[in-house]
PDB file of N, CA and C in Angstrom:
ATOM      1  N   MET A   1       7.915  10.928 -21.620  1.00  0.00           N
ATOM      2  CA  MET A   1       8.492   9.658 -21.020  1.00  0.00           C
ATOM      3  C   MET A   1       8.668   9.740 -19.632  1.00  0.00           C
ATOM      4  N   ILE A   2       7.848   8.644 -18.706  1.00  0.00           N
ATOM      5  CA  ILE A   2       7.996   8.399 -17.390  1.00  0.00           C
ATOM      6  C   ILE A   2       9.247   7.626 -16.843  1.00  0.00           C
ATOM      7  N   ILE A   3      10.267   8.496 -15.970  1.00  0.00           N
ATOM      8  CA  ILE A   3      11.421   7.674 -15.437  1.00  0.00           C
ATOM      9  C   ILE A   3      11.168   7.146 -13.920  1.00  0.00           C
ATOM     10  N   VAL A   4      10.853   6.126 -13.446  1.00  0.00           N
ATOM     11  CA  VAL A   4      10.944   5.723 -12.254  1.00  0.00           C
ATOM     12  C   VAL A   4      12.468   5.328 -11.798  1.00  0.00           C
ATOM     13  N   TYR A   5      12.551   6.198 -10.560  1.00  0.00           N
ATOM     14  CA  TYR A   5      13.897   6.110 -10.001  1.00  0.00           C
ATOM     15  C   TYR A   5      13.741   5.325  -8.934  1.00  0.00           C
ATOM     16  N   GLY A   6      14.520   4.314  -8.626  1.00  0.00           N
ATOM     17  CA  GLY A   6      14.375   3.391  -7.217  1.00  0.00           C
ATOM     18  C   GLY A   6      15.349   2.112  -7.143  1.00  0.00           C
ATOM     19  N   ILE A   7      14.528   1.081  -6.072  1.00  0.00           N
ATOM     20  CA  ILE A   7      15.009  -0.263  -6.386  1.00  0.00           C
ATOM     21  C   ILE A   7      14.018  -1.199  -6.225  1.00  0.00           C
ATOM     22  N   LYS A   8      14.378  -2.231  -6.977  1.00  0.00           N
ATOM     23  CA  LYS A   8      12.964  -3.037  -7.396  1.00  0.00           C
ATOM     24  C   LYS A   8      12.554  -4.013  -6.033  1.00  0.00           C
ATOM     25  N   ASN A   9      13.163  -3.864  -4.987  1.00  0.00           N
ATOM     26  CA  ASN A   9      12.802  -4.534  -3.814  1.00  0.00           C
ATOM     27  C   ASN A   9      12.164  -4.035  -2.882  1.00  0.00           C
ATOM     28  N   CYS A  10      12.064  -2.472  -3.152  1.00  0.00           N
ATOM     29  CA  CYS A  10      11.287  -1.493  -2.284  1.00  0.00           C
ATOM     30  C   CYS A  10      10.062  -1.688  -2.715  1.00  0.00           C
ATOM     31  N   ASP A  11       9.156  -1.482  -1.311  1.00  0.00           N
ATOM     32  CA  ASP A  11       7.597  -1.728  -1.442  1.00  0.00           C
ATOM     33  C   ASP A  11       6.982  -0.515  -2.143  1.00  0.00           C
ATOM     34  N   SER A  12       7.296   0.733  -2.103  1.00  0.00           N
ATOM     35  CA  SER A  12       7.060   1.986  -2.500  1.00  0.00           C
ATOM     36  C   SER A  12       7.184   1.830  -3.984  1.00  0.00           C
ATOM     37  N   VAL A  13       8.245   1.458  -4.471  1.00  0.00           N
ATOM     38  CA  VAL A  13       8.616   1.260  -5.864  1.00  0.00           C
ATOM     39  C   VAL A  13       7.845   0.105  -6.503  1.00  0.00           C
ATOM     40  N   LYS A  14       7.676  -0.863  -5.693  1.00  0.00           N
ATOM     41  CA  LYS A  14       6.688  -2.060  -6.202  1.00  0.00           C
ATOM     42  C   LYS A  14       5.502  -1.675  -6.518  1.00  0.00           C
ATOM     43  N   LYS A  15       4.920  -0.793  -5.696  1.00  0.00           N
ATOM     44  CA  LYS A  15       3.295  -0.334  -5.729  1.00  0.00           C
ATOM     45  C   LYS A  15       3.367   0.928  -6.980  1.00  0.00           C
ATOM     46  N   ALA A  16       4.204   1.635  -7.165  1.00  0.00           N
ATOM     47  CA  ALA A  16       4.527   2.370  -8.425  1.00  0.00           C
ATOM     48  C   ALA A  16       4.351   1.695  -9.769  1.00  0.00           C
ATOM     49  N   LEU A  17       5.233   0.635  -9.819  1.00  0.00           N
ATOM     50  CA  LEU A  17       5.401  -0.245 -10.898  1.00  0.00           C
ATOM     51  C   LEU A  17       4.264  -0.823 -11.465  1.00  0.00           C
ATOM     52  N   LYS A  18       3.686  -1.253 -10.041  1.00  0.00           N
ATOM     53  CA  LYS A  18       2.287  -2.041 -10.417  1.00  0.00           C
ATOM     54  C   LYS A  18       1.253  -1.105 -11.068  1.00  0.00           C
ATOM     55  N   PHE A  19       1.265   0.050 -10.561  1.00  0.00           N
ATOM     56  CA  PHE A  19       0.464   1.181 -10.881  1.00  0.00           C
ATOM     57  C   PHE A  19       0.700   1.452 -12.425  1.00  0.00           C
ATOM     58  N   PHE A  20       1.860   1.817 -12.844  1.00  0.00           N
ATOM     59  CA  PHE A  20       1.991   1.798 -14.042  1.00  0.00           C
ATOM     60  C   PHE A  20       1.710   1.009 -15.213  1.00  0.00           C
ATOM     61  N   LYS A  21       1.908  -0.467 -14.620  1.00  0.00           N
ATOM     62  CA  LYS A  21       1.821  -1.536 -15.505  1.00  0.00           C
ATOM     63  C   LYS A  21       0.310  -1.617 -15.437  1.00  0.00           C
ATOM     64  N   GLU A  22      -0.349  -1.629 -14.480  1.00  0.00           N
ATOM     65  CA  GLU A  22      -1.929  -1.848 -14.592  1.00  0.00           C
ATOM     66  C   GLU A  22      -2.760  -0.840 -15.738  1.00  0.00           C
ATOM     67  N   ASN A  23      -1.965   0.450 -15.641  1.00  0.00           N
ATOM     68  CA  ASN A  23      -2.582   1.165 -16.275  1.00  0.00           C
ATOM     69  C   ASN A  23      -2.115   1.742 -17.544  1.00  0.00           C
ATOM     70  N   ASN A  24      -1.335   0.569 -18.204  1.00  0.00           N
ATOM     71  CA  ASN A  24      -0.599   0.624 -19.398  1.00  0.00           C
ATOM     72  C   ASN A  24       0.155   2.008 -19.521  1.00  0.00           C
ATOM     73  N   LEU A  25       0.976   2.181 -18.757  1.00  0.00           N
ATOM     74  CA  LEU A  25       1.740   3.533 -18.755  1.00  0.00           C
ATOM     75  C   LEU A  25       3.246   3.210 -19.003  1.00  0.00           C
ATOM     76  N   GLU A  26       3.926   3.272 -19.944  1.00  0.00           N
ATOM     77  CA  GLU A  26       5.444   3.213 -20.550  1.00  0.00           C
ATOM     78  C   GLU A  26       6.058   3.819 -19.466  1.00  0.00           C
ATOM     79  N   ILE A  27       7.087   3.146 -18.996  1.00  0.00           N
ATOM     80  CA  ILE A  27       7.909   3.938 -18.306  1.00  0.00           C
ATOM     81  C   ILE A  27       9.334   3.321 -18.137  1.00  0.00           C
ATOM     82  N   GLU A  28      10.488   4.282 -17.867  1.00  0.00           N
ATOM     83  CA  GLU A  28      11.798   3.860 -18.062  1.00  0.00           C
ATOM     84  C   GLU A  28      12.261   3.531 -16.577  1.00  0.00           C
ATOM     85  N   PHE A  29      13.038   2.736 -15.879  1.00  0.00           N
ATOM     86  CA  PHE A  29      13.196   2.136 -14.932  1.00  0.00           C
ATOM     87  C   PHE A  29      14.558   2.356 -14.466  1.00  0.00           C
ATOM     88  N   PHE A  30      15.137   3.151 -13.497  1.00  0.00           N
ATOM     89  CA  PHE A  30      16.375   3.659 -13.455  1.00  0.00           C
ATOM     90  C   PHE A  30      16.739   2.907 -11.929  1.00  0.00           C
ATOM     91  N   ASP A  31      17.522   2.173 -11.834  1.00  0.00           N
ATOM     92  CA  ASP A  31      17.883   1.141 -10.759  1.00  0.00           C
ATOM     93  C   ASP A  31      19.438   1.722  -9.880  1.00  0.00           C
ATOM     94  N   PHE A  32      18.580   1.938  -8.764  1.00  0.00           N
ATOM     95  CA  PHE A  32      19.901   2.851  -7.932  1.00  0.00           C
ATOM     96  C   PHE A  32      20.976   1.460  -7.362  1.00  0.00           C
ATOM     97  N   LYS A  33      20.827   0.453  -7.791  1.00  0.00           N
ATOM     98  CA  LYS A  33      21.534  -0.469  -7.167  1.00  0.00           C
ATOM     99  C   LYS A  33      22.581  -0.576  -8.587  1.00  0.00           C
ATOM    100  N   LYS A  34      22.225  -0.227  -9.695  1.00  0.00           N
ATOM    101  CA  LYS A  34      23.007  -0.552 -10.695  1.00  0.00           C
ATOM    102  C   LYS A  34      23.545   1.157 -11.431  1.00  0.00           C
ATOM    103  N   GLU A  35      23.037   1.913 -11.092  1.00  0.00           N
ATOM    104  CA  GLU A  35      23.596   3.096 -11.388  1.00  0.00           C
ATOM    105  C   GLU A  35      23.504   4.266 -10.491  1.00  0.00           C
ATOM    106  N   GLN A  36      24.218   5.405 -10.684  1.00  0.00           N
ATOM    107  CA  GLN A  36      24.262   6.410  -9.901  1.00  0.00           C
ATOM    108  C   GLN A  36      23.762   7.534 -10.354  1.00  0.00           C
ATOM    109  N   PRO A  37      22.674   8.158  -9.636  1.00  0.00           N
ATOM    110  CA  PRO A  37      22.195   9.415 -10.493  1.00  0.00           C
ATOM    111  C   PRO A  37      23.344  10.761 -10.195  1.00  0.00           C
ATOM    112  N   SER A  38      23.288  11.423 -11.265  1.00  0.00           N
ATOM    113  CA  SER A  38      24.332  12.421 -11.329  1.00  0.00           C
ATOM    114  C   SER A  38      24.131  13.334 -10.228  1.00  0.00           C
ATOM    115  N   ASN A  39      25.085  14.111  -9.535  1.00  0.00           N
ATOM    116  CA  ASN A  39      24.913  15.277  -8.571  1.00  0.00           C
ATOM    117  C   ASN A  39      23.775  16.287  -9.183  1.00  0.00           C
ATOM    118  N   GLU A  40      24.030  16.464 -10.646  1.00  0.00           N
ATOM    119  CA  GLU A  40      23.112  17.640 -11.262  1.00  0.00           C
ATOM    120  C   GLU A  40      21.742  17.263 -10.842  1.00  0.00           C
ATOM    121  N   LYS A  41      21.289  15.902 -11.321  1.00  0.00           N
ATOM    122  CA  LYS A  41      19.912  14.995 -11.421  1.00  0.00           C
ATOM    123  C   LYS A  41      19.343  15.450  -9.821  1.00  0.00           C
ATOM    124  N   ILE A  42      20.284  15.132  -8.849  1.00  0.00           N
ATOM    125  CA  ILE A  42      19.794  15.080  -7.489  1.00  0.00           C
ATOM    126  C   ILE A  42      19.348  16.354  -7.104  1.00  0.00           C
ATOM    127  N   LYS A  43      20.384  17.505  -7.574  1.00  0.00           N
ATOM    128  CA  LYS A  43      20.164  18.839  -7.255  1.00  0.00           C
ATOM    129  C   LYS A  43      18.760  19.230  -7.719  1.00  0.00           C
ATOM    130  N   SER A  44      18.405  18.704  -9.315  1.00  0.00           N
ATOM    131  CA  SER A  44      17.430  19.271  -9.882  1.00  0.00           C
ATOM    132  C   SER A  44      15.937  18.700  -8.891  1.00  0.00           C
ATOM    133  N   TRP A  45      15.816  17.434  -8.171  1.00  0.00           N
ATOM    134  CA  TRP A  45      14.792  17.033  -7.385  1.00  0.00           C
ATOM    135  C   TRP A  45      14.933  17.894  -6.312  1.00  0.00           C
ATOM    136  N   VAL A  46      15.762  18.143  -5.800  1.00  0.00           N
ATOM    137  CA  VAL A  46      15.899  18.984  -4.586  1.00  0.00           C
ATOM    138  C   VAL A  46      15.245  20.262  -4.868  1.00  0.00           C
ATOM    139  N   GLU A  47      15.562  20.971  -6.095  1.00  0.00           N
ATOM    140  CA  GLU A  47      15.178  22.217  -6.452  1.00  0.00           C
ATOM    141  C   GLU A  47      13.672  22.220  -6.612  1.00  0.00           C
ATOM    142  N   LYS A  48      13.264  21.031  -7.215  1.00  0.00           N
ATOM    143  CA  LYS A  48      11.862  20.903  -7.749  1.00  0.00           C
ATOM    144  C   LYS A  48      10.799  20.388  -6.582  1.00  0.00           C
ATOM    145  N   SER A  49      11.586  20.114  -5.377  1.00  0.00           N
ATOM    146  CA  SER A  49      10.525  19.589  -4.284  1.00  0.00           C
ATOM    147  C   SER A  49      11.561  20.558  -2.901  1.00  0.00           C
ATOM    148  N   SER A  50      12.122  19.404  -2.138  1.00  0.00           N
ATOM    149  CA  SER A  50      12.890  20.315  -1.228  1.00  0.00           C
ATOM    150  C   SER A  50      13.798  19.216  -0.572  1.00  0.00           C
ATOM    151  N   ILE A  51      14.807  19.428   0.125  1.00  0.00           N
ATOM    152  CA  ILE A  51      15.771  18.377   0.490  1.00  0.00           C
ATOM    153  C   ILE A  51      15.223  17.535   1.600  1.00  0.00           C
ATOM    154  N   ASP A  52      14.029  17.902   2.327  1.00  0.00           N
ATOM    155  CA  ASP A  52      13.496  17.105   3.396  1.00  0.00           C
ATOM    156  C   ASP A  52      12.774  15.935   2.556  1.00  0.00           C
ATOM    157  N   LYS A  53      11.931  16.552   1.575  1.00  0.00           N
ATOM    158  CA  LYS A  53      11.273  15.547   0.632  1.00  0.00           C
ATOM    159  C   LYS A  53      12.403  14.639  -0.031  1.00  0.00           C
ATOM    160  N   VAL A  54      13.503  14.637  -0.527  1.00  0.00           N
ATOM    161  CA  VAL A  54      14.411  14.040  -1.017  1.00  0.00           C
ATOM    162  C   VAL A  54      15.333  12.923  -0.300  1.00  0.00           C
ATOM    163  N   PHE A  55      15.286  13.742   0.698  1.00  0.00           N
ATOM    164  CA  PHE A  55      16.336  12.675   1.707  1.00  0.00           C
ATOM    165  C   PHE A  55      15.468  11.943   2.900  1.00  0.00           C
ATOM    166  N   ASN A  56      15.934  10.695   2.697  1.00  0.00           N
ATOM    167  CA  ASN A  56      14.882   9.736   3.487  1.00  0.00           C
ATOM    168  C   ASN A  56      15.639   9.406   4.923  1.00  0.00           C
ATOM    169  N   ASN A  57      15.277  10.115   6.042  1.00  0.00           N
ATOM    170  CA  ASN A  57      15.731  10.128   7.319  1.00  0.00           C
ATOM    171  C   ASN A  57      14.934   9.012   7.997  1.00  0.00           C
ATOM    172  N   LYS A  58      14.448   7.854   7.672  1.00  0.00           N
ATOM    173  CA  LYS A  58      13.508   6.844   8.337  1.00  0.00           C
ATOM    174  C   LYS A  58      13.855   5.821   7.797  1.00  0.00           C
ATOM    175  N   GLY A  59      14.875   5.649   6.836  1.00  0.00           N
ATOM    176  CA  GLY A  59      15.541   4.422   6.283  1.00  0.00           C
ATOM    177  C   GLY A  59      16.404   3.484   7.164  1.00  0.00           C
ATOM    178  N   THR A  60      16.650   2.193   6.577  1.00  0.00           N
ATOM    179  CA  THR A  60      17.822   1.592   7.300  1.00  0.00           C
ATOM    180  C   THR A  60      19.307   2.286   7.196  1.00  0.00           C
ATOM    181  N   THR A  61      19.687   2.696   6.038  1.00  0.00           N
ATOM    182  CA  THR A  61      20.895   3.461   5.515  1.00  0.00           C
ATOM    183  C   THR A  61      20.904   4.564   6.562  1.00  0.00           C
ATOM    184  N   TYR A  62      19.918   5.455   6.954  1.00  0.00           N
ATOM    185  CA  TYR A  62      20.325   6.588   7.832  1.00  0.00           C
ATOM    186  C   TYR A  62      20.639   6.155   9.012  1.00  0.00           C
ATOM    187  N   ARG A  63      19.943   5.172   9.437  1.00  0.00           N
ATOM    188  CA  ARG A  63      20.111   4.638  10.951  1.00  0.00           C
ATOM    189  C   ARG A  63      21.496   3.888  10.585  1.00  0.00           C
ATOM    190  N   THR A  64      21.817   3.006   9.760  1.00  0.00           N
ATOM    191  CA  THR A  64      23.150   2.478   9.903  1.00  0.00           C
ATOM    192  C   THR A  64      24.248   3.523   9.886  1.00  0.00           C
ATOM    193  N   LEU A  65      24.315   4.508   9.141  1.00  0.00           N
ATOM    194  CA  LEU A  65      25.345   5.555   9.081  1.00  0.00           C
ATOM    195  C   LEU A  65      25.224   6.318  10.325  1.00  0.00           C
ATOM    196  N   LYS A  66      24.281   6.204  11.014  1.00  0.00           N
ATOM    197  CA  LYS A  66      24.132   6.909  12.172  1.00  0.00           C
ATOM    198  C   LYS A  66      24.244   8.664  11.761  1.00  0.00           C
ATOM    199  N   LEU A  67      23.381   9.093  10.837  1.00  0.00           N
ATOM    200  CA  LEU A  67      23.434  10.240  10.488  1.00  0.00           C
ATOM    201  C   LEU A  67      22.562  11.618  11.117  1.00  0.00           C
ATOM    202  N   LYS A  68      21.564  10.664  12.049  1.00  0.00           N
ATOM    203  CA  LYS A  68      21.285  11.519  13.146  1.00  0.00           C
ATOM    204  C   LYS A  68      22.076  12.164  14.131  1.00  0.00           C
ATOM    205  N   ASP A  69      22.922  11.471  14.543  1.00  0.00           N
ATOM    206  CA  ASP A  69      24.005  12.063  15.222  1.00  0.00           C
ATOM    207  C   ASP A  69      24.678  13.433  14.729  1.00  0.00           C
ATOM    208  N   LEU A  70      25.008  13.455  13.814  1.00  0.00           N
ATOM    209  CA  LEU A  70      25.821  14.515  12.750  1.00  0.00           C
ATOM    210  C   LEU A  70      24.941  15.831  12.870  1.00  0.00           C
ATOM    211  N   ASN A  71      23.466  15.851  13.135  1.00  0.00           N
ATOM    212  CA  ASN A  71      22.908  17.085  12.818  1.00  0.00           C
ATOM    213  C   ASN A  71      23.031  17.545  11.452  1.00  0.00           C
ATOM    214  N   LEU A  72      22.826  17.185  10.719  1.00  0.00           N
ATOM    215  CA  LEU A  72      23.120  17.659   9.230  1.00  0.00           C
ATOM    216  C   LEU A  72      22.226  18.798   8.743  1.00  0.00           C
ATOM    217  N   ASP A  73      23.135  19.851   8.148  1.00  0.00           N
ATOM    218  CA  ASP A  73      22.128  20.935   7.408  1.00  0.00           C
ATOM    219  C   ASP A  73      22.089  20.499   6.115  1.00  0.00           C
ATOM    220  N   GLU A  74      21.284  21.672   5.084  1.00  0.00           N
ATOM    221  CA  GLU A  74      20.778  21.015   3.911  1.00  0.00           C
ATOM    222  C   GLU A  74      22.045  20.714   3.093  1.00  0.00           C
ATOM    223  N   ASN A  75      23.151  21.574   3.022  1.00  0.00           N
ATOM    224  CA  ASN A  75      24.361  20.827   2.290  1.00  0.00           C
ATOM    225  C   ASN A  75      24.895  19.709   2.885  1.00  0.00           C
ATOM    226  N   GLY A  76      24.956  19.305   4.041  1.00  0.00           N
ATOM    227  CA  GLY A  76      25.308  18.420   4.499  1.00  0.00           C
ATOM    228  C   GLY A  76      24.587  16.996   4.027  1.00  0.00           C
ATOM    229  N   LYS A  77      22.891  17.350   4.015  1.00  0.00           N
ATOM    230  CA  LYS A  77      22.271  16.201   3.485  1.00  0.00           C
ATOM    231  C   LYS A  77      22.508  15.963   1.967  1.00  0.00           C
ATOM    232  N   PHE A  78      22.621  17.080   1.158  1.00  0.00           N
ATOM    233  CA  PHE A  78      22.881  16.948  -0.366  1.00  0.00           C
ATOM    234  C   PHE A  78      23.959  16.239  -0.395  1.00  0.00           C
ATOM    235  N   GLU A  79      25.233  16.505   0.166  1.00  0.00           N
ATOM    236  CA  GLU A  79      26.382  15.788   0.076  1.00  0.00           C
ATOM    237  C   GLU A  79      26.268  14.166   0.480  1.00  0.00           C
ATOM    238  N   TRP A  80      25.332  13.965   1.251  1.00  0.00           N
ATOM    239  CA  TRP A  80      25.240  12.289   1.572  1.00  0.00           C
ATOM    240  C   TRP A  80      24.321  11.839   0.590  1.00  0.00           C
ATOM    241  N   LEU A  81      23.283  12.602   0.070  1.00  0.00           N
ATOM    242  CA  LEU A  81      22.496  11.855  -1.110  1.00  0.00           C
ATOM    243  C   LEU A  81      23.325  11.692  -2.380  1.00  0.00           C
ATOM    244  N   CYS A  82      24.191  12.535  -2.724  1.00  0.00           N
ATOM    245  CA  CYS A  82      25.075  12.156  -3.685  1.00  0.00           C
ATOM    246  C   CYS A  82      26.188  10.996  -3.537  1.00  0.00           C
ATOM    247  N   LYS A  83      26.484  10.812  -2.087  1.00  0.00           N
ATOM    248  CA  LYS A  83      27.089   9.450  -1.743  1.00  0.00           C
ATOM    249  C   LYS A  83      26.544   8.604  -1.645  1.00  0.00           C
ATOM    250  N   GLU A  84      25.433   8.415  -1.287  1.00  0.00           N
ATOM    251  CA  GLU A  84      24.590   7.244  -1.002  1.00  0.00           C
ATOM    252  C   GLU A  84      23.152   7.271  -1.335  1.00  0.00           C
ATOM    253  N   THR A  85      23.286   6.409  -2.387  1.00  0.00           N
ATOM    254  CA  THR A  85      21.429   6.611  -3.119  1.00  0.00           C
ATOM    255  C   THR A  85      20.625   6.068  -2.368  1.00  0.00           C
ATOM    256  N   MET A  86      20.736   5.323  -1.340  1.00  0.00           N
ATOM    257  CA  MET A  86      19.892   4.390  -0.438  1.00  0.00           C
ATOM    258  C   MET A  86      19.105   5.527   0.299  1.00  0.00           C
ATOM    259  N   LEU A  87      20.088   6.704   0.283  1.00  0.00           N
ATOM    260  CA  LEU A  87      19.344   7.659   1.102  1.00  0.00           C
ATOM    261  C   LEU A  87      18.402   8.710   0.567  1.00  0.00           C
ATOM    262  N   ILE A  88      18.131   8.284  -0.764  1.00  0.00           N
ATOM    263  CA  ILE A  88      16.858   8.818  -1.633  1.00  0.00           C
ATOM    264  C   ILE A  88      15.790   8.204  -1.478  1.00  0.00           C
ATOM    265  N   LYS A  89      14.798   9.235  -0.758  1.00  0.00           N
ATOM    266  CA  LYS A  89      13.143   8.755  -0.622  1.00  0.00           C
ATOM    267  C   LYS A  89      12.782   8.251  -2.295  1.00  0.00           C
ATOM    268  N   ARG A  90      12.189   7.065  -2.098  1.00  0.00           N
ATOM    269  CA  ARG A  90      11.767   6.026  -3.487  1.00  0.00           C
ATOM    270  C   ARG A  90      10.411   6.179  -3.121  1.00  0.00           C
ATOM    271  N   PRO A  91       9.706   6.019  -4.761  1.00  0.00           N
ATOM    272  CA  PRO A  91      10.589   6.038  -5.782  1.00  0.00           C
ATOM    273  C   PRO A  91      10.435   7.827  -6.049  1.00  0.00           C
ATOM    274  N   VAL A  92      11.320   8.012  -7.004  1.00  0.00           N
ATOM    275  CA  VAL A  92      11.210   9.275  -7.725  1.00  0.00           C
ATOM    276  C   VAL A  92      10.796   9.222  -9.022  1.00  0.00           C
ATOM    277  N   ILE A  93       9.758   9.931  -9.601  1.00  0.00           N
ATOM    278  CA  ILE A  93       9.355  10.014 -10.690  1.00  0.00           C
ATOM    279  C   ILE A  93       9.338  11.039 -11.291  1.00  0.00           C
ATOM    280  N   GLU A  94       9.872  10.851 -12.770  1.00  0.00           N
ATOM    281  CA  GLU A  94       9.975  12.160 -13.337  1.00  0.00           C
ATOM    282  C   GLU A  94       9.213  11.973 -14.608  1.00  0.00           C
ATOM    283  N   ALA A  95       8.318  13.080 -14.968  1.00  0.00           N
ATOM    284  CA  ALA A  95       7.411  13.189 -16.058  1.00  0.00           C
ATOM    285  C   ALA A  95       6.945  14.591 -16.263  1.00  0.00           C
ATOM    286  N   ASN A  96       7.374  14.914 -17.983  1.00  0.00           N
ATOM    287  CA  ASN A  96       6.867  16.175 -17.887  1.00  0.00           C
ATOM    288  C   ASN A  96       7.392  17.152 -17.119  1.00  0.00           C
ATOM    289  N   ASN A  97       8.721  17.128 -16.889  1.00  0.00           N
ATOM    290  CA  ASN A  97       9.584  18.109 -16.222  1.00  0.00           C
ATOM    291  C   ASN A  97       9.253  18.547 -14.589  1.00  0.00           C
ATOM    292  N   ASN A  98       8.461  17.407 -14.304  1.00  0.00           N
ATOM    293  CA  ASN A  98       8.320  17.680 -12.918  1.00  0.00           C
ATOM    294  C   ASN A  98       8.511  16.263 -12.196  1.00  0.00           C
ATOM    295  N   ILE A  99       8.384  16.244 -11.012  1.00  0.00           N
ATOM    296  CA  ILE A  99       9.023  15.149 -10.291  1.00  0.00           C
ATOM    297  C   ILE A  99       7.895  14.690  -9.015  1.00  0.00           C
ATOM    298  N   ILE A 100       7.684  13.673  -8.649  1.00  0.00           N
ATOM    299  CA  ILE A 100       6.939  13.155  -7.406  1.00  0.00           C
ATOM    300  C   ILE A 100       7.672  12.291  -6.782  1.00  0.00           C
ATOM    301  N   ILE A 101       7.764  12.514  -5.273  1.00  0.00           N
ATOM    302  CA  ILE A 101       8.641  11.380  -4.515  1.00  0.00           C
ATOM    303  C   ILE A 101       7.544  10.782  -3.819  1.00  0.00           C
ATOM    304  N   GLY A 102       7.844   9.380  -3.961  1.00  0.00           N
ATOM    305  CA  GLY A 102       7.317   8.494  -2.702  1.00  0.00           C
ATOM    306  C   GLY A 102       6.076   7.852  -3.754  1.00  0.00           C
ATOM    307  N   PHE A 103       5.119   7.092  -3.147  1.00  0.00           N
ATOM    308  CA  PHE A 103       4.108   6.616  -3.659  1.00  0.00           C
ATOM    309  C   PHE A 103       2.477   7.303  -3.084  1.00  0.00           C
ATOM    310  N   ASP A 104       1.917   7.765  -4.047  1.00  0.00           N
ATOM    311  CA  ASP A 104       0.591   8.295  -3.757  1.00  0.00           C
ATOM    312  C   ASP A 104      -0.164   8.071  -4.701  1.00  0.00           C
ATOM    313  N   GLU A 105      -1.166   7.038  -4.800  1.00  0.00           N
ATOM    314  CA  GLU A 105      -1.948   6.624  -5.750  1.00  0.00           C
ATOM    315  C   GLU A 105      -2.971   7.630  -6.214  1.00  0.00           C
ATOM    316  N   VAL A 106      -3.475   8.337  -5.290  1.00  0.00           N
ATOM    317  CA  VAL A 106      -4.481   9.447  -5.599  1.00  0.00           C
ATOM    318  C   VAL A 106      -3.578  10.299  -6.371  1.00  0.00           C
ATOM    319  N   LEU A 107      -2.568  11.009  -6.160  1.00  0.00           N
ATOM    320  CA  LEU A 107      -1.810  11.837  -6.828  1.00  0.00           C
ATOM    321  C   LEU A 107      -1.341  11.101  -8.295  1.00  0.00           C
ATOM    322  N   TYR A 108      -0.963  10.014  -8.201  1.00  0.00           N
ATOM    323  CA  TYR A 108      -0.548   9.448  -9.514  1.00  0.00           C
ATOM    324  C   TYR A 108      -1.663   9.380 -10.466  1.00  0.00           C
ATOM    325  N   LYS A 109      -2.880   9.060 -10.062  1.00  0.00           N
ATOM    326  CA  LYS A 109      -4.016   9.133 -10.686  1.00  0.00           C
ATOM    327  C   LYS A 109      -4.415  10.454 -11.554  1.00  0.00           C
ATOM    328  N   GLU A 110      -4.238  11.493 -10.400  1.00  0.00           N
ATOM    329  CA  GLU A 110      -4.268  12.951 -11.024  1.00  0.00           C
ATOM    330  C   GLU A 110      -3.565  13.112 -12.100  1.00  0.00           C
ATOM    331  N   THR A 111      -2.400  12.481 -11.853  1.00  0.00           N
ATOM    332  CA  THR A 111      -1.043  13.303 -12.768  1.00  0.00           C
ATOM    333  C   THR A 111      -1.092  12.529 -13.987  1.00  0.00           C
ATOM    334  N   PHE A 112      -1.462  11.070 -14.017  1.00  0.00           N
ATOM    335  CA  PHE A 112      -1.209  10.316 -15.320  1.00  0.00           C
ATOM    336  C   PHE A 112      -2.433   9.744 -15.747  1.00  0.00           C
ATOM    337  N   LEU A 113      -3.358   9.701 -15.381  1.00  0.00           N
ATOM    338  CA  LEU A 113      -4.622   9.239 -15.880  1.00  0.00           C
ATOM    339  C   LEU A 113      -5.612  10.333 -16.346  1.00  0.00           C
TER     340      LEU A 113
END
């Protein structure tokens, strides 16, 4: 099963959902606006990639919360990810016990087709 985590109005998530639909791949969508992933789930994403891949320091939420001023270390970033799902880079794709963060059509084709 492929699980796509994100929000529906995010451009990268829209591209991912379109890719899966066009390639007739069945997915489950986890909407950050409706549900909060568990701290364990976020921890597993960080362990399978890295805190800097999961933590979105380019988005509106990061700027609005003025997190740059806090000079966060890995633990600080993790705590914020658990408090504020909009800091998670999107989409997060889970499949076959692996994850892909962000939209990368070439990687999606290699992985799913």
